[in-house]
Amino acid sequence: MSSKLRTAIFIVSAAVAAPFAASAADSTPMSESKPVRAVKDSVITAKVKSKLAAEHEGYTKSVSVKTTAAGVVTLTGTALTKEEADKAETIAKSTDGVTSVINNIKVTAK
């Protein structure tokens, strides 16, 4: 086989395989790219904070909300009673996009 023919076959096969290689290298769907996930996480966090604020003004000052890419919400901070801490968890769990809640709220009343 001549070198020109081998070169032509190589170029054609590379051109045909290139889209498949690029697709395999970037297996992350556009909907799950980091900027999109960050926006989604902050939207979930904002929804939870909004619902907590609507339920009880004190939550906005005493409870911190963080959301992971998987929709896991972590609540930290303080509450006056166990019932308040549990209520904050219930509110977070009922928010769209939340997959689970980690409740690390400390009860300050004795």
Protein backbone atom coordinates (compact mmCIF):
# COMPACT_ATOMS: atom_id res chain seq x y z
CA MET A 1 0.00 0.00 0.00
CA SER A 2 1.40 3.39 -0.93
CA SER A 3 2.12 5.97 1.71
CA LYS A 4 -0.37 8.39 0.11
CA LEU A 5 -3.13 5.78 0.38
CA ARG A 6 -2.24 5.03 4.02
CA THR A 7 -2.25 8.75 4.82
CA ALA A 8 -5.64 9.21 3.14
CA ILE A 9 -7.12 6.25 5.05
CA PHE A 10 -5.71 7.61 8.31
CA ILE A 11 -7.17 11.08 7.71
CA VAL A 12 -10.60 9.70 6.77
CA SER A 13 -10.71 7.34 9.77
CA ALA A 14 -9.58 10.14 12.11
CA ALA A 15 -12.25 12.46 10.75
CA VAL A 16 -14.93 9.80 11.23
CA ALA A 17 -13.76 8.88 14.76
CA ALA A 18 -13.21 12.44 16.04
CA PRO A 19 -16.86 13.17 16.98
CA PHE A 20 -17.06 9.90 18.90
CA ALA A 21 -13.83 10.61 20.76
CA ALA A 22 -14.98 14.12 21.65
CA SER A 23 -18.31 12.77 22.85
CA ALA A 24 -16.62 10.17 25.05
CA ALA A 25 -14.21 12.72 26.51
CA ASP A 26 -17.06 15.01 27.56
CA SER A 27 -19.60 12.63 29.02
CA THR A 28 -21.07 15.30 31.33
CA PRO A 29 -24.43 16.43 29.98
CA MET A 30 -24.86 20.17 29.53
CA SER A 31 -27.63 20.17 32.12
CA GLU A 32 -25.17 18.96 34.75
CA SER A 33 -22.25 21.28 34.04
CA LYS A 34 -20.71 23.05 37.03
CA PRO A 35 -22.19 26.51 36.37
CA VAL A 36 -25.67 25.02 35.95
CA ARG A 37 -25.29 22.94 39.12
CA ALA A 38 -24.11 26.01 41.05
CA VAL A 39 -27.19 27.95 39.95
CA LYS A 40 -29.43 24.99 40.81
CA ASP A 41 -27.80 24.69 44.27
CA SER A 42 -28.23 28.38 45.00
CA VAL A 43 -31.85 28.28 43.82
CA ILE A 44 -32.60 25.41 46.23
CA THR A 45 -30.80 27.26 49.05
CA ALA A 46 -32.80 30.42 48.32
CA LYS A 47 -36.08 28.48 48.29
CA VAL A 48 -35.33 26.86 51.65
CA LYS A 49 -34.28 30.20 53.21
CA SER A 50 -37.39 31.88 51.86
CA LYS A 51 -39.68 29.20 53.28
CA LEU A 52 -37.89 29.37 56.65
CA ALA A 53 -38.24 33.15 56.72
CA ALA A 54 -41.94 32.95 55.87
CA GLU A 55 -42.50 30.44 58.66
CA HIS A 56 -40.51 32.16 61.38
CA GLU A 57 -38.41 35.33 61.24
CA GLY A 58 -35.81 33.99 63.67
CA TYR A 59 -34.73 31.24 61.27
CA THR A 60 -33.14 33.71 58.89
CA LYS A 61 -30.79 34.93 61.59
CA SER A 62 -30.02 31.66 63.34
CA VAL A 63 -30.07 28.92 60.68
CA SER A 64 -27.60 28.56 57.83
CA VAL A 65 -28.55 26.60 54.70
CA LYS A 66 -26.07 24.97 52.32
CA THR A 67 -26.94 22.78 49.32
CA THR A 68 -24.76 20.28 47.46
CA ALA A 69 -24.92 19.45 43.77
CA ALA A 70 -26.99 16.37 44.60
CA GLY A 71 -29.69 18.43 46.34
CA VAL A 72 -28.56 17.56 49.87
CA VAL A 73 -29.35 20.43 52.22
CA THR A 74 -27.36 20.93 55.42
CA LEU A 75 -28.91 23.05 58.16
CA THR A 76 -26.63 24.53 60.81
CA GLY A 77 -27.08 27.13 63.50
CA THR A 78 -29.27 27.34 66.58
CA ALA A 79 -32.91 27.00 67.59
CA LEU A 80 -34.62 27.66 70.90
CA THR A 81 -36.39 24.28 70.98
CA LYS A 82 -36.13 20.83 69.45
CA GLU A 83 -39.50 21.47 67.80
CA GLU A 84 -38.11 24.53 66.00
CA ALA A 85 -35.12 22.53 64.75
CA ASP A 86 -37.42 19.74 63.57
CA LYS A 87 -39.74 22.25 61.88
CA ALA A 88 -36.80 23.75 59.97
CA GLU A 89 -35.89 20.24 58.78
CA THR A 90 -39.47 19.55 57.70
CA ILE A 91 -39.59 22.83 55.77
CA ALA A 92 -36.32 22.02 54.01
CA LYS A 93 -37.48 18.48 53.13
CA SER A 94 -40.67 19.84 51.57
CA THR A 95 -38.76 22.13 49.20
CA ASP A 96 -38.56 21.24 45.49
CA GLY A 97 -35.15 19.91 44.47
CA VAL A 98 -34.15 18.76 47.95
CA THR A 99 -33.16 15.09 48.00
CA SER A 100 -32.26 14.87 51.70
CA VAL A 101 -31.60 17.05 54.73
CA ILE A 102 -28.80 16.93 57.27
CA ASN A 103 -30.00 18.71 60.39
CA ASN A 104 -27.06 20.03 62.44
CA ILE A 105 -29.11 22.69 64.23
CA LYS A 106 -28.18 22.97 67.92
CA VAL A 107 -30.91 23.55 70.50
CA THR A 108 -29.91 26.39 72.84
CA ALA A 109 -32.73 26.21 75.42
CA LYS A 110 -32.29 23.94 78.42
